[in-house]
Structure formats: structure tokens, C-alpha cells
Amino acid sequence: MGKLKITLKKSTIGAIPKHKKTVAALGLHKTNSTVEQDDNPAIRGMIKQVSHLLQVEEIQ
């Protein structure tokens, strides 16, 4: 499987606590921070939960 480049585009201030924990579990801390994660069902599920805060790109 490939990799995903995940960027936090919106702040988690005002987000519900579950979403804040999900963003932290993805490895994102500050706005505009970026991480690369493996593309697997667990990561895809986390991304789907907080998709309104993220920008996701697939890396080949």
C-alpha cells in the first residue's frame, strides 16, 4: 500500500474532545503541520472522522 500525506488545515479549538484525540493520534499538533502515514483502513477511518479539519494527499 502507499502512503498518505496528511495536513491539519483547521484548528482543533472548539472541536469535540474525541476529534482532538483523533487528530493527536494521527501525529498532528499545530495548524499546517504535516505527517506521512501508511495507507491502511485504520488511518482511513481516523481521517474520515475528522476530514473537515484535514487535507489529504496520496503519495505513490
Protein backbone atom coordinates (compact mmCIF):
# COMPACT_ATOMS: atom_id res chain seq x y z
CA MET A 1 0.00 0.00 0.00
CA GLY A 2 1.01 3.60 -0.46
CA LYS A 3 1.46 6.49 1.88
CA LEU A 4 -0.76 9.43 2.76
CA LYS A 5 0.39 12.99 3.35
CA ILE A 6 -1.95 14.46 5.97
CA THR A 7 -2.03 18.18 6.80
CA LEU A 8 -4.03 19.83 9.60
CA LYS A 9 -5.74 22.78 7.89
CA LYS A 10 -8.15 23.93 10.61
CA SER A 11 -7.60 24.38 14.32
CA THR A 12 -8.98 21.90 16.82
CA ILE A 13 -10.09 24.72 19.11
CA GLY A 14 -13.80 24.21 19.60
CA ALA A 15 -13.71 20.66 18.25
CA ILE A 16 -15.22 17.91 20.36
CA PRO A 17 -12.70 16.08 22.58
CA LYS A 18 -12.94 12.85 20.56
CA HIS A 19 -11.86 14.70 17.42
CA LYS A 20 -8.97 16.38 19.24
CA LYS A 21 -7.70 12.97 20.36
CA THR A 22 -8.04 11.58 16.84
CA VAL A 23 -6.00 14.45 15.37
CA ALA A 24 -3.32 13.92 18.04
CA ALA A 25 -3.28 10.17 17.34
CA LEU A 26 -2.58 10.93 13.68
CA GLY A 27 0.54 12.79 14.86
CA LEU A 28 -0.73 16.30 14.14
CA HIS A 29 -0.32 19.04 16.74
CA LYS A 30 -0.36 22.53 15.21
CA THR A 31 -2.24 24.01 12.27
CA ASN A 32 -0.41 23.40 8.96
CA SER A 33 1.64 20.56 10.44
CA THR A 34 2.08 17.61 8.08
CA VAL A 35 2.74 13.92 8.64
CA GLU A 36 3.09 10.89 6.39
CA GLN A 37 1.17 7.79 7.40
CA ASP A 38 0.76 4.37 5.83
CA ASP A 39 -2.45 3.95 3.85
CA ASN A 40 -4.45 1.37 5.81
CA PRO A 41 -8.08 1.00 6.96
CA ALA A 42 -7.37 2.26 10.50
CA ILE A 43 -5.81 5.52 9.27
CA ARG A 44 -8.55 5.94 6.65
CA GLY A 45 -11.18 5.63 9.39
CA MET A 46 -9.45 8.28 11.50
CA ILE A 47 -9.22 10.59 8.50
CA LYS A 48 -12.91 10.12 7.74
CA GLN A 49 -13.84 11.09 11.30
CA VAL A 50 -12.01 14.44 11.15
CA SER A 51 -12.00 15.06 7.39
CA HIS A 52 -13.41 18.57 7.89
CA LEU A 53 -10.10 19.56 9.57
CA LEU A 54 -7.64 17.86 7.22
CA GLN A 55 -6.17 17.92 3.74
CA VAL A 56 -5.06 14.51 2.48
CA GLU A 57 -2.85 13.65 -0.50
CA GLU A 58 -1.86 10.21 -1.73
CA ILE A 59 1.85 9.60 -2.27
CA GLN A 60 2.89 6.86 -4.68
